[in-house]
Amino acid sequence: MISRLASLCFLAAVLAGCNTVQNPLAQQQIESLRLATVNVAISDTTTLWWGDGDRAFARSKGRSESDAEELSKTPEARAFIANAVTAKISAALEQQLKPVLAGQRPVKVVVHLRRLYMASVIQRLVVGGHHELVADVMLVDAKTGSTILAYPDFRTIALAGQGIGGTLVDAAVLADPIDRLTQNFATTYRDWLLPQQPN
């Protein structure tokens, strides 16, 4: 069961890497870039569906996790989730891109998050489902603000354990789902940007 779930997670990373937008920059051009900052933007229209984040917000307010659904509808809860997601995406991108974008020309990675959907345990027990992140990603010259590369609708998934057995193994063995998803997002973008880089 564990090896099967691990294979599925690997497959998710492979599927997430099936990109349709081509990177027009040559390897030498990419190697001249240096990551300066990562900016993640979340708008009012961004879908944020993350049950664990809702429960974390409830706990932060001294409330029971059973109150999470009610509390999740408040602007304060949305801001809490947005800040947590922003931090995770930024950290994952910096970890993956700083070692490979170490040239002279400073650039920013600008992420406009459009959809974050974390499949709930109940959903995975009953009908199945995976975790998904969709964003518009731009590589921007840090000095001029001009866009170097743009990838709209950049989509990444992380498969999750299905049914009772898969859900139990998922919780016991694998990393936190939000961390798996944001790491998939960062590594998939890195591999698209620098396809010759080893994993």
N, C-alpha and C. Protein backbone atom coordinates (compact mmCIF):
# COMPACT_ATOMS: atom_id res chain seq x y z
N MET A 1 0.84 -1.21 0.00
CA MET A 1 0.00 0.00 0.00
C MET A 1 0.87 1.26 0.00
N ILE A 2 1.92 1.25 0.86
CA ILE A 2 2.78 2.43 0.95
C ILE A 2 3.50 2.67 -0.37
N SER A 3 4.04 1.58 -0.96
CA SER A 3 4.76 1.77 -2.22
C SER A 3 3.82 2.22 -3.33
N ARG A 4 2.58 1.73 -3.28
CA ARG A 4 1.60 2.14 -4.29
C ARG A 4 1.29 3.63 -4.16
N LEU A 5 1.10 4.09 -2.92
CA LEU A 5 0.80 5.50 -2.71
C LEU A 5 1.97 6.38 -3.10
N ALA A 6 3.20 5.91 -2.80
CA ALA A 6 4.38 6.68 -3.19
C ALA A 6 4.48 6.78 -4.71
N SER A 7 4.14 5.68 -5.40
CA SER A 7 4.16 5.70 -6.87
C SER A 7 3.14 6.68 -7.42
N LEU A 8 1.96 6.71 -6.78
CA LEU A 8 0.93 7.65 -7.21
C LEU A 8 1.39 9.09 -7.04
N CYS A 9 2.07 9.36 -5.92
CA CYS A 9 2.56 10.72 -5.68
C CYS A 9 3.61 11.11 -6.71
N PHE A 10 4.46 10.14 -7.08
CA PHE A 10 5.46 10.40 -8.12
C PHE A 10 4.75 10.67 -9.45
N LEU A 11 3.72 9.87 -9.73
CA LEU A 11 2.97 10.07 -10.96
C LEU A 11 2.32 11.45 -11.00
N ALA A 12 1.87 11.90 -9.83
CA ALA A 12 1.25 13.24 -9.76
C ALA A 12 2.25 14.30 -10.17
N ALA A 13 3.48 14.16 -9.70
CA ALA A 13 4.51 15.14 -10.04
C ALA A 13 4.79 15.10 -11.54
N VAL A 14 4.80 13.89 -12.11
CA VAL A 14 5.04 13.77 -13.55
C VAL A 14 3.91 14.40 -14.34
N LEU A 15 2.66 14.08 -13.94
CA LEU A 15 1.51 14.65 -14.63
C LEU A 15 1.49 16.16 -14.52
N ALA A 16 1.88 16.66 -13.36
CA ALA A 16 1.88 18.11 -13.16
C ALA A 16 2.89 18.78 -14.06
N GLY A 17 3.90 18.00 -14.51
CA GLY A 17 4.92 18.58 -15.36
C GLY A 17 4.58 18.57 -16.84
N CYS A 18 3.38 18.07 -17.20
CA CYS A 18 2.98 18.05 -18.61
C CYS A 18 2.49 19.43 -19.02
N ASN A 19 3.41 20.34 -19.23
CA ASN A 19 3.07 21.73 -19.51
C ASN A 19 2.81 21.94 -20.99
N THR A 20 1.96 22.89 -21.29
CA THR A 20 1.66 23.22 -22.68
C THR A 20 2.36 24.50 -23.12
N VAL A 21 2.71 25.37 -22.19
CA VAL A 21 3.42 26.61 -22.53
C VAL A 21 4.91 26.30 -22.66
N GLN A 22 5.49 26.76 -23.75
CA GLN A 22 6.91 26.52 -23.98
C GLN A 22 7.76 27.65 -23.39
N ASN A 23 8.91 27.28 -22.84
CA ASN A 23 9.86 28.26 -22.33
C ASN A 23 10.75 28.70 -23.49
N PRO A 24 10.65 29.98 -23.93
CA PRO A 24 11.40 30.42 -25.11
C PRO A 24 12.85 30.80 -24.82
N LEU A 25 13.22 30.86 -23.55
CA LEU A 25 14.57 31.32 -23.21
C LEU A 25 15.59 30.20 -23.34
N ALA A 26 16.77 30.57 -23.80
CA ALA A 26 17.88 29.62 -23.89
C ALA A 26 18.45 29.36 -22.50
N GLN A 27 19.12 28.23 -22.36
CA GLN A 27 19.72 27.87 -21.07
C GLN A 27 20.65 28.97 -20.56
N GLN A 28 21.43 29.56 -21.46
CA GLN A 28 22.38 30.60 -21.07
C GLN A 28 21.66 31.82 -20.53
N GLN A 29 20.52 32.16 -21.12
CA GLN A 29 19.73 33.30 -20.63
C GLN A 29 19.19 33.04 -19.23
N ILE A 30 18.69 31.85 -19.01
CA ILE A 30 18.17 31.51 -17.69
C ILE A 30 19.27 31.55 -16.64
N GLU A 31 20.44 31.04 -16.99
CA GLU A 31 21.55 31.00 -16.04
C GLU A 31 22.08 32.39 -15.70
N SER A 32 21.73 33.40 -16.49
CA SER A 32 22.17 34.77 -16.19
C SER A 32 21.28 35.44 -15.14
N LEU A 33 20.16 34.81 -14.79
CA LEU A 33 19.20 35.40 -13.87
C LEU A 33 19.52 35.06 -12.42
N ARG A 34 19.15 35.99 -11.54
CA ARG A 34 19.32 35.77 -10.10
C ARG A 34 18.01 36.08 -9.39
N LEU A 35 17.53 35.12 -8.63
CA LEU A 35 16.27 35.32 -7.91
C LEU A 35 16.46 36.36 -6.81
N ALA A 36 15.70 37.44 -6.90
CA ALA A 36 15.76 38.48 -5.87
C ALA A 36 14.64 38.29 -4.85
N THR A 37 13.41 38.17 -5.32
CA THR A 37 12.27 38.00 -4.43
C THR A 37 11.20 37.14 -5.08
N VAL A 38 10.30 36.67 -4.23
CA VAL A 38 9.10 35.98 -4.68
C VAL A 38 7.90 36.74 -4.11
N ASN A 39 6.98 37.12 -4.98
CA ASN A 39 5.76 37.80 -4.54
C ASN A 39 4.55 36.94 -4.88
N VAL A 40 3.74 36.67 -3.89
CA VAL A 40 2.53 35.87 -4.10
C VAL A 40 1.33 36.76 -3.82
N ALA A 41 0.44 36.88 -4.80
CA ALA A 41 -0.74 37.72 -4.65
C ALA A 41 -2.00 36.85 -4.63
N ILE A 42 -2.90 37.18 -3.72
CA ILE A 42 -4.19 36.50 -3.61
C ILE A 42 -5.27 37.56 -3.67
N SER A 43 -6.18 37.42 -4.64
CA SER A 43 -7.22 38.42 -4.83
C SER A 43 -8.55 37.96 -4.21
N ASP A 44 -9.54 38.82 -4.31
CA ASP A 44 -10.87 38.48 -3.80
C ASP A 44 -11.52 37.33 -4.57
N THR A 45 -11.06 37.11 -5.79
CA THR A 45 -11.66 36.06 -6.60
C THR A 45 -10.91 34.73 -6.49
N THR A 46 -9.81 34.70 -5.77
CA THR A 46 -9.04 33.47 -5.60
C THR A 46 -9.85 32.46 -4.77
N THR A 47 -9.90 31.23 -5.25
CA THR A 47 -10.53 30.16 -4.49
C THR A 47 -9.55 29.62 -3.46
N LEU A 48 -9.94 29.64 -2.20
CA LEU A 48 -9.11 29.09 -1.12
C LEU A 48 -9.93 28.05 -0.38
N TRP A 49 -9.66 26.80 -0.63
CA TRP A 49 -10.39 25.71 0.00
C TRP A 49 -9.38 24.81 0.70
N TRP A 50 -9.24 24.99 2.00
CA TRP A 50 -8.21 24.28 2.77
C TRP A 50 -8.74 24.04 4.18
N GLY A 51 -9.30 22.87 4.39
CA GLY A 51 -9.91 22.54 5.67
C GLY A 51 -8.95 22.60 6.84
N ASP A 52 -7.73 22.10 6.65
CA ASP A 52 -6.74 22.14 7.73
C ASP A 52 -6.42 23.58 8.12
N GLY A 53 -6.40 24.46 7.13
CA GLY A 53 -6.16 25.87 7.41
C GLY A 53 -7.31 26.49 8.19
N ASP A 54 -8.53 26.12 7.84
CA ASP A 54 -9.70 26.61 8.58
C ASP A 54 -9.66 26.17 10.03
N ARG A 55 -9.27 24.91 10.24
CA ARG A 55 -9.20 24.40 11.62
C ARG A 55 -8.07 25.06 12.39
N ALA A 56 -6.97 25.35 11.70
CA ALA A 56 -5.86 26.06 12.37
C ALA A 56 -6.30 27.45 12.79
N PHE A 57 -7.11 28.10 11.96
CA PHE A 57 -7.61 29.43 12.32
C PHE A 57 -8.51 29.34 13.55
N ALA A 58 -9.39 28.34 13.57
CA ALA A 58 -10.27 28.17 14.73
C ALA A 58 -9.46 27.98 16.01
N ARG A 59 -8.41 27.16 15.93
CA ARG A 59 -7.56 26.95 17.11
C ARG A 59 -6.86 28.23 17.52
N SER A 60 -6.46 29.03 16.53
CA SER A 60 -5.76 30.28 16.84
C SER A 60 -6.65 31.27 17.58
N LYS A 61 -7.96 31.10 17.43
CA LYS A 61 -8.93 31.97 18.10
C LYS A 61 -9.45 31.36 19.40
N GLY A 62 -8.84 30.23 19.78
CA GLY A 62 -9.29 29.57 21.00
C GLY A 62 -10.63 28.88 20.86
N ARG A 63 -11.02 28.56 19.63
CA ARG A 63 -12.30 27.93 19.36
C ARG A 63 -12.10 26.46 19.00
N SER A 64 -13.16 25.71 19.10
CA SER A 64 -13.13 24.30 18.76
C SER A 64 -13.02 24.13 17.25
N GLU A 65 -12.40 23.03 16.83
CA GLU A 65 -12.30 22.77 15.40
C GLU A 65 -13.67 22.57 14.77
N SER A 66 -14.65 22.20 15.58
CA SER A 66 -16.01 22.04 15.06
C SER A 66 -16.61 23.38 14.62
N ASP A 67 -16.00 24.47 15.07
CA ASP A 67 -16.47 25.80 14.67
C ASP A 67 -15.78 26.30 13.40
N ALA A 68 -14.87 25.49 12.84
CA ALA A 68 -14.03 25.94 11.73
C ALA A 68 -14.85 26.34 10.51
N GLU A 69 -15.87 25.56 10.18
CA GLU A 69 -16.65 25.86 8.98
C GLU A 69 -17.34 27.22 9.10
N GLU A 70 -17.91 27.48 10.26
CA GLU A 70 -18.58 28.76 10.47
C GLU A 70 -17.59 29.91 10.43
N LEU A 71 -16.47 29.74 11.11
CA LEU A 71 -15.46 30.80 11.16
C LEU A 71 -14.81 31.05 9.80
N SER A 72 -14.75 30.01 8.97
CA SER A 72 -14.06 30.13 7.68
C SER A 72 -14.72 31.15 6.75
N LYS A 73 -15.94 31.53 7.03
CA LYS A 73 -16.66 32.47 6.18
C LYS A 73 -16.33 33.93 6.49
N THR A 74 -15.51 34.17 7.50
CA THR A 74 -15.20 35.54 7.89
C THR A 74 -13.99 36.08 7.12
N PRO A 75 -13.92 37.39 6.92
CA PRO A 75 -12.75 37.99 6.25
C PRO A 75 -11.45 37.71 7.00
N GLU A 76 -11.53 37.65 8.32
CA GLU A 76 -10.32 37.40 9.12
C GLU A 76 -9.78 36.00 8.84
N ALA A 77 -10.68 35.03 8.70
CA ALA A 77 -10.25 33.66 8.40
C ALA A 77 -9.61 33.59 7.02
N ARG A 78 -10.21 34.29 6.06
CA ARG A 78 -9.64 34.28 4.71
C ARG A 78 -8.25 34.90 4.70
N ALA A 79 -8.07 35.98 5.44
CA ALA A 79 -6.76 36.61 5.53
C ALA A 79 -5.75 35.67 6.17
N PHE A 80 -6.17 34.94 7.19
CA PHE A 80 -5.31 33.97 7.87
C PHE A 80 -4.85 32.90 6.89
N ILE A 81 -5.80 32.35 6.14
CA ILE A 81 -5.48 31.31 5.15
C ILE A 81 -4.57 31.87 4.07
N ALA A 82 -4.89 33.06 3.57
CA ALA A 82 -4.10 33.68 2.52
C ALA A 82 -2.65 33.88 2.95
N ASN A 83 -2.45 34.34 4.17
CA ASN A 83 -1.09 34.56 4.68
C ASN A 83 -0.33 33.24 4.80
N ALA A 84 -1.01 32.21 5.28
CA ALA A 84 -0.36 30.91 5.43
C ALA A 84 0.03 30.32 4.08
N VAL A 85 -0.88 30.39 3.12
CA VAL A 85 -0.61 29.85 1.79
C VAL A 85 0.49 30.64 1.11
N THR A 86 0.44 31.96 1.22
CA THR A 86 1.47 32.81 0.62
C THR A 86 2.86 32.44 1.14
N ALA A 87 2.95 32.25 2.44
CA ALA A 87 4.24 31.91 3.06
C ALA A 87 4.76 30.57 2.54
N LYS A 88 3.88 29.59 2.39
CA LYS A 88 4.30 28.27 1.95
C LYS A 88 4.74 28.27 0.49
N ILE A 89 3.99 28.97 -0.36
CA ILE A 89 4.36 29.04 -1.77
C ILE A 89 5.69 29.78 -1.93
N SER A 90 5.85 30.89 -1.22
CA SER A 90 7.08 31.68 -1.32
C SER A 90 8.28 30.87 -0.86
N ALA A 91 8.14 30.19 0.26
CA ALA A 91 9.25 29.40 0.80
C ALA A 91 9.63 28.27 -0.16
N ALA A 92 8.64 27.60 -0.73
CA ALA A 92 8.93 26.50 -1.65
C ALA A 92 9.64 27.00 -2.90
N LEU A 93 9.19 28.11 -3.46
CA LEU A 93 9.82 28.65 -4.67
C LEU A 93 11.24 29.12 -4.38
N GLU A 94 11.44 29.80 -3.27
CA GLU A 94 12.78 30.25 -2.93
C GLU A 94 13.73 29.07 -2.75
N GLN A 95 13.25 28.03 -2.10
CA GLN A 95 14.09 26.85 -1.87
C GLN A 95 14.50 26.19 -3.19
N GLN A 96 13.57 26.13 -4.14
CA GLN A 96 13.87 25.45 -5.40
C GLN A 96 14.59 26.33 -6.42
N LEU A 97 14.35 27.63 -6.39
CA LEU A 97 14.88 28.50 -7.44
C LEU A 97 16.19 29.20 -7.09
N LYS A 98 16.41 29.50 -5.83
CA LYS A 98 17.64 30.24 -5.48
C LYS A 98 18.91 29.50 -5.89
N PRO A 99 19.00 28.19 -5.72
CA PRO A 99 20.23 27.50 -6.14
C PRO A 99 20.47 27.51 -7.65
N VAL A 100 19.41 27.63 -8.45
CA VAL A 100 19.57 27.55 -9.90
C VAL A 100 19.48 28.90 -10.60
N LEU A 101 18.92 29.90 -9.92
CA LEU A 101 18.92 31.27 -10.46
C LEU A 101 19.91 32.08 -9.65
N ALA A 102 21.17 31.95 -10.01
CA ALA A 102 22.25 32.57 -9.24
C ALA A 102 23.16 33.42 -10.12
N GLY A 103 22.60 33.99 -11.19
CA GLY A 103 23.39 34.82 -12.10
C GLY A 103 23.48 36.26 -11.64
N GLN A 104 23.59 37.18 -12.58
CA GLN A 104 23.80 38.59 -12.27
C GLN A 104 22.53 39.45 -12.38
N ARG A 105 21.59 39.06 -13.23
CA ARG A 105 20.41 39.89 -13.47
C ARG A 105 19.31 39.56 -12.46
N PRO A 106 18.97 40.50 -11.57
CA PRO A 106 17.96 40.20 -10.55
C PRO A 106 16.55 40.12 -11.13
N VAL A 107 15.82 39.10 -10.71
CA VAL A 107 14.46 38.91 -11.19
C VAL A 107 13.53 38.60 -10.01
N LYS A 108 12.25 38.83 -10.23
CA LYS A 108 11.22 38.48 -9.26
C LYS A 108 10.33 37.41 -9.86
N VAL A 109 9.90 36.49 -9.04
CA VAL A 109 8.85 35.56 -9.45
C VAL A 109 7.55 36.08 -8.85
N VAL A 110 6.60 36.39 -9.70
CA VAL A 110 5.31 36.93 -9.26
C VAL A 110 4.24 35.87 -9.51
N VAL A 111 3.57 35.49 -8.45
CA VAL A 111 2.55 34.44 -8.52
C VAL A 111 1.20 35.05 -8.19
N HIS A 112 0.26 34.94 -9.11
CA HIS A 112 -1.12 35.34 -8.85
C HIS A 112 -1.92 34.05 -8.65
N LEU A 113 -2.17 33.72 -7.40
CA LEU A 113 -2.87 32.48 -7.11
C LEU A 113 -4.33 32.58 -7.53
N ARG A 114 -4.79 31.62 -8.29
CA ARG A 114 -6.17 31.62 -8.75
C ARG A 114 -7.03 30.58 -8.02
N ARG A 115 -6.42 29.45 -7.69
CA ARG A 115 -7.20 28.37 -7.06
C ARG A 115 -6.32 27.50 -6.19
N LEU A 116 -6.71 27.33 -4.95
CA LEU A 116 -6.10 26.34 -4.07
C LEU A 116 -7.23 25.45 -3.57
N TYR A 117 -7.14 24.17 -3.87
CA TYR A 117 -8.19 23.24 -3.46
C TYR A 117 -7.55 22.02 -2.81
N MET A 118 -7.78 21.87 -1.53
CA MET A 118 -7.28 20.72 -0.78
C MET A 118 -8.45 19.77 -0.54
N ALA A 119 -8.40 18.59 -1.16
CA ALA A 119 -9.48 17.63 -1.02
C ALA A 119 -9.60 17.20 0.44
N SER A 120 -10.79 17.23 0.97
CA SER A 120 -11.01 16.88 2.37
C SER A 120 -10.93 15.38 2.58
N VAL A 121 -10.76 14.97 3.82
CA VAL A 121 -10.71 13.55 4.16
C VAL A 121 -12.03 12.88 3.79
N ILE A 122 -13.14 13.52 4.10
CA ILE A 122 -14.44 12.94 3.79
C ILE A 122 -14.60 12.74 2.28
N GLN A 123 -14.20 13.74 1.50
CA GLN A 123 -14.29 13.60 0.05
C GLN A 123 -13.47 12.41 -0.44
N ARG A 124 -12.26 12.28 0.09
CA ARG A 124 -11.38 11.20 -0.36
C ARG A 124 -11.88 9.83 0.09
N LEU A 125 -12.55 9.79 1.24
CA LEU A 125 -13.13 8.53 1.70
C LEU A 125 -14.30 8.09 0.83
N VAL A 126 -15.10 9.05 0.39
CA VAL A 126 -16.36 8.73 -0.29
C VAL A 126 -16.20 8.67 -1.81
N VAL A 127 -15.68 9.72 -2.41
CA VAL A 127 -15.63 9.79 -3.88
C VAL A 127 -14.22 9.94 -4.44
N GLY A 128 -13.23 10.18 -3.58
CA GLY A 128 -11.87 10.38 -4.06
C GLY A 128 -11.60 11.83 -4.42
N GLY A 129 -10.39 12.13 -4.77
CA GLY A 129 -10.03 13.49 -5.15
C GLY A 129 -8.56 13.77 -4.92
N HIS A 130 -8.08 14.85 -5.48
CA HIS A 130 -6.69 15.23 -5.32
C HIS A 130 -6.61 16.70 -4.93
N HIS A 131 -5.42 17.12 -4.56
CA HIS A 131 -5.18 18.52 -4.21
C HIS A 131 -4.70 19.26 -5.47
N GLU A 132 -5.09 20.54 -5.59
CA GLU A 132 -4.78 21.27 -6.82
C GLU A 132 -4.43 22.73 -6.53
N LEU A 133 -3.46 23.22 -7.27
CA LEU A 133 -3.06 24.63 -7.19
C LEU A 133 -2.96 25.17 -8.61
N VAL A 134 -3.63 26.29 -8.87
CA VAL A 134 -3.58 26.93 -10.18
C VAL A 134 -3.18 28.39 -9.98
N ALA A 135 -2.21 28.85 -10.76
CA ALA A 135 -1.74 30.22 -10.61
C ALA A 135 -1.19 30.74 -11.93
N ASP A 136 -1.20 32.06 -12.07
CA ASP A 136 -0.48 32.72 -13.16
C ASP A 136 0.90 33.08 -12.60
N VAL A 137 1.94 32.63 -13.28
CA VAL A 137 3.31 32.82 -12.78
C VAL A 137 4.09 33.66 -13.78
N MET A 138 4.71 34.71 -13.29
CA MET A 138 5.52 35.58 -14.16
C MET A 138 6.93 35.72 -13.60
N LEU A 139 7.87 35.75 -14.50
CA LEU A 139 9.26 36.07 -14.16
C LEU A 139 9.49 37.49 -14.62
N VAL A 140 9.83 38.39 -13.69
CA VAL A 140 9.86 39.83 -13.96
C VAL A 140 11.24 40.39 -13.65
N ASP A 141 11.71 41.29 -14.52
CA ASP A 141 12.97 41.98 -14.26
C ASP A 141 12.80 42.85 -13.02
N ALA A 142 13.65 42.63 -12.02
CA ALA A 142 13.49 43.33 -10.75
C ALA A 142 13.78 44.82 -10.85
N LYS A 143 14.55 45.25 -11.84
CA LYS A 143 14.90 46.66 -11.98
C LYS A 143 13.89 47.42 -12.83
N THR A 144 13.48 46.84 -13.95
CA THR A 144 12.60 47.56 -14.87
C THR A 144 11.13 47.21 -14.69
N GLY A 145 10.84 46.08 -14.09
CA GLY A 145 9.47 45.65 -13.93
C GLY A 145 8.89 44.99 -15.18
N SER A 146 9.71 44.82 -16.21
CA SER A 146 9.22 44.20 -17.44
C SER A 146 9.12 42.68 -17.27
N THR A 147 8.13 42.10 -17.92
CA THR A 147 7.93 40.66 -17.82
C THR A 147 8.89 39.94 -18.77
N ILE A 148 9.60 38.96 -18.22
CA ILE A 148 10.53 38.16 -19.01
C ILE A 148 9.83 36.91 -19.53
N LEU A 149 9.11 36.25 -18.64
CA LEU A 149 8.38 35.03 -18.97
C LEU A 149 7.03 35.06 -18.27
N ALA A 150 6.02 34.54 -18.93
CA ALA A 150 4.70 34.45 -18.30
C ALA A 150 4.13 33.06 -18.55
N TYR A 151 3.60 32.49 -17.51
CA TYR A 151 2.93 31.20 -17.63
C TYR A 151 1.56 31.31 -16.97
N PRO A 152 0.51 31.60 -17.74
CA PRO A 152 -0.84 31.65 -17.16
C PRO A 152 -1.38 30.25 -16.91
N ASP A 153 -2.25 30.15 -15.93
CA ASP A 153 -2.90 28.87 -15.62
C ASP A 153 -1.91 27.74 -15.37
N PHE A 154 -0.87 28.03 -14.63
CA PHE A 154 0.09 26.99 -14.27
C PHE A 154 -0.57 26.09 -13.23
N ARG A 155 -0.78 24.84 -13.57
CA ARG A 155 -1.55 23.93 -12.73
C ARG A 155 -0.68 22.82 -12.17
N THR A 156 -0.81 22.58 -10.89
CA THR A 156 -0.08 21.51 -10.22
C THR A 156 -1.05 20.73 -9.35
N ILE A 157 -0.84 19.41 -9.30
CA ILE A 157 -1.65 18.59 -8.41
C ILE A 157 -0.76 17.78 -7.48
N ALA A 158 -1.34 17.32 -6.40
CA ALA A 158 -0.70 16.34 -5.52
C ALA A 158 -1.77 15.31 -5.22
N LEU A 159 -1.48 14.07 -5.59
CA LEU A 159 -2.45 13.02 -5.33
C LEU A 159 -2.54 12.75 -3.83
N ALA A 160 -3.69 12.26 -3.42
CA ALA A 160 -3.93 11.98 -2.00
C ALA A 160 -4.47 10.58 -1.85
N GLY A 161 -4.25 10.00 -0.67
CA GLY A 161 -4.75 8.66 -0.40
C GLY A 161 -6.26 8.60 -0.52
N GLN A 162 -6.74 7.54 -1.16
CA GLN A 162 -8.17 7.38 -1.39
C GLN A 162 -8.72 6.25 -0.52
N GLY A 163 -9.98 6.36 -0.13
CA GLY A 163 -10.58 5.33 0.70
C GLY A 163 -10.01 5.31 2.11
N ILE A 164 -10.44 4.35 2.90
CA ILE A 164 -10.00 4.29 4.30
C ILE A 164 -8.51 4.00 4.40
N GLY A 165 -8.07 2.96 3.68
CA GLY A 165 -6.66 2.58 3.76
C GLY A 165 -5.72 3.66 3.26
N GLY A 166 -6.03 4.20 2.08
CA GLY A 166 -5.18 5.23 1.51
C GLY A 166 -5.12 6.48 2.35
N THR A 167 -6.25 6.85 2.94
CA THR A 167 -6.30 8.04 3.77
C THR A 167 -5.47 7.86 5.03
N LEU A 168 -5.52 6.68 5.62
CA LEU A 168 -4.73 6.40 6.83
C LEU A 168 -3.24 6.42 6.53
N VAL A 169 -2.85 5.81 5.42
CA VAL A 169 -1.43 5.79 5.03
C VAL A 169 -0.95 7.20 4.72
N ASP A 170 -1.79 7.95 4.02
CA ASP A 170 -1.47 9.34 3.68
C ASP A 170 -1.13 10.12 4.95
N ALA A 171 -1.99 10.01 5.96
CA ALA A 171 -1.80 10.77 7.20
C ALA A 171 -0.60 10.29 7.99
N ALA A 172 -0.30 8.99 7.92
CA ALA A 172 0.75 8.42 8.76
C ALA A 172 2.14 8.53 8.15
N VAL A 173 2.22 8.51 6.83
CA VAL A 173 3.53 8.36 6.18
C VAL A 173 4.00 9.61 5.43
N LEU A 174 3.08 10.24 4.72
CA LEU A 174 3.49 11.33 3.82
C LEU A 174 3.52 12.68 4.53
N ALA A 175 4.17 13.63 3.88
CA ALA A 175 4.24 14.99 4.41
C ALA A 175 2.85 15.63 4.37
N ASP A 176 2.71 16.73 5.08
CA ASP A 176 1.44 17.44 5.11
C ASP A 176 1.00 17.76 3.68
N PRO A 177 -0.29 17.56 3.35
CA PRO A 177 -0.75 17.77 1.97
C PRO A 177 -0.41 19.15 1.39
N ILE A 178 -0.56 20.21 2.19
CA ILE A 178 -0.27 21.55 1.66
C ILE A 178 1.21 21.69 1.32
N ASP A 179 2.07 21.03 2.09
CA ASP A 179 3.50 21.08 1.81
C ASP A 179 3.84 20.28 0.56
N ARG A 180 3.19 19.12 0.39
CA ARG A 180 3.41 18.34 -0.83
C ARG A 180 2.97 19.12 -2.06
N LEU A 181 1.83 19.79 -1.95
CA LEU A 181 1.31 20.53 -3.10
C LEU A 181 2.19 21.71 -3.46
N THR A 182 2.58 22.50 -2.48
CA THR A 182 3.41 23.67 -2.78
C THR A 182 4.81 23.26 -3.25
N GLN A 183 5.33 22.16 -2.72
CA GLN A 183 6.62 21.67 -3.22
C GLN A 183 6.50 21.18 -4.66
N ASN A 184 5.41 20.48 -4.98
CA ASN A 184 5.19 20.07 -6.37
C ASN A 184 5.12 21.28 -7.29
N PHE A 185 4.42 22.31 -6.82
CA PHE A 185 4.31 23.54 -7.60
C PHE A 185 5.69 24.13 -7.88
N ALA A 186 6.51 24.24 -6.84
CA ALA A 186 7.82 24.86 -6.98
C ALA A 186 8.76 24.02 -7.84
N THR A 187 8.79 22.72 -7.62
CA THR A 187 9.70 21.87 -8.40
C THR A 187 9.26 21.77 -9.86
N THR A 188 7.95 21.74 -10.09
CA THR A 188 7.46 21.68 -11.46
C THR A 188 7.80 22.97 -12.22
N TYR A 189 7.67 24.11 -11.54
CA TYR A 189 8.04 25.37 -12.19
C TYR A 189 9.54 25.42 -12.43
N ARG A 190 10.32 24.98 -11.46
CA ARG A 190 11.78 24.95 -11.65
C ARG A 190 12.16 24.09 -12.84
N ASP A 191 11.54 22.90 -12.96
CA ASP A 191 11.88 22.00 -14.05
C ASP A 191 11.43 22.54 -15.40
N TRP A 192 10.32 23.31 -15.42
CA TRP A 192 9.90 23.94 -16.66
C TRP A 192 10.88 25.06 -17.04
N LEU A 193 11.31 25.80 -16.04
CA LEU A 193 12.21 26.92 -16.28
C LEU A 193 13.60 26.43 -16.69
N LEU A 194 14.07 25.38 -16.04
CA LEU A 194 15.39 24.82 -16.30
C LEU A 194 15.27 23.32 -16.54
N PRO A 195 14.78 22.91 -17.69
CA PRO A 195 14.50 21.50 -17.91
C PRO A 195 15.73 20.59 -17.86
N GLN A 196 16.92 21.16 -17.98
CA GLN A 196 18.12 20.33 -17.92
C GLN A 196 18.63 20.10 -16.52
N GLN A 197 18.00 20.77 -15.53
CA GLN A 197 18.44 20.60 -14.16
C GLN A 197 18.00 19.24 -13.62
N PRO A 198 18.88 18.55 -12.86
CA PRO A 198 18.47 17.28 -12.28
C PRO A 198 17.47 17.51 -11.17
N ASN A 199 16.64 16.49 -10.89
CA ASN A 199 15.66 16.60 -9.80
C ASN A 199 16.36 16.58 -8.46
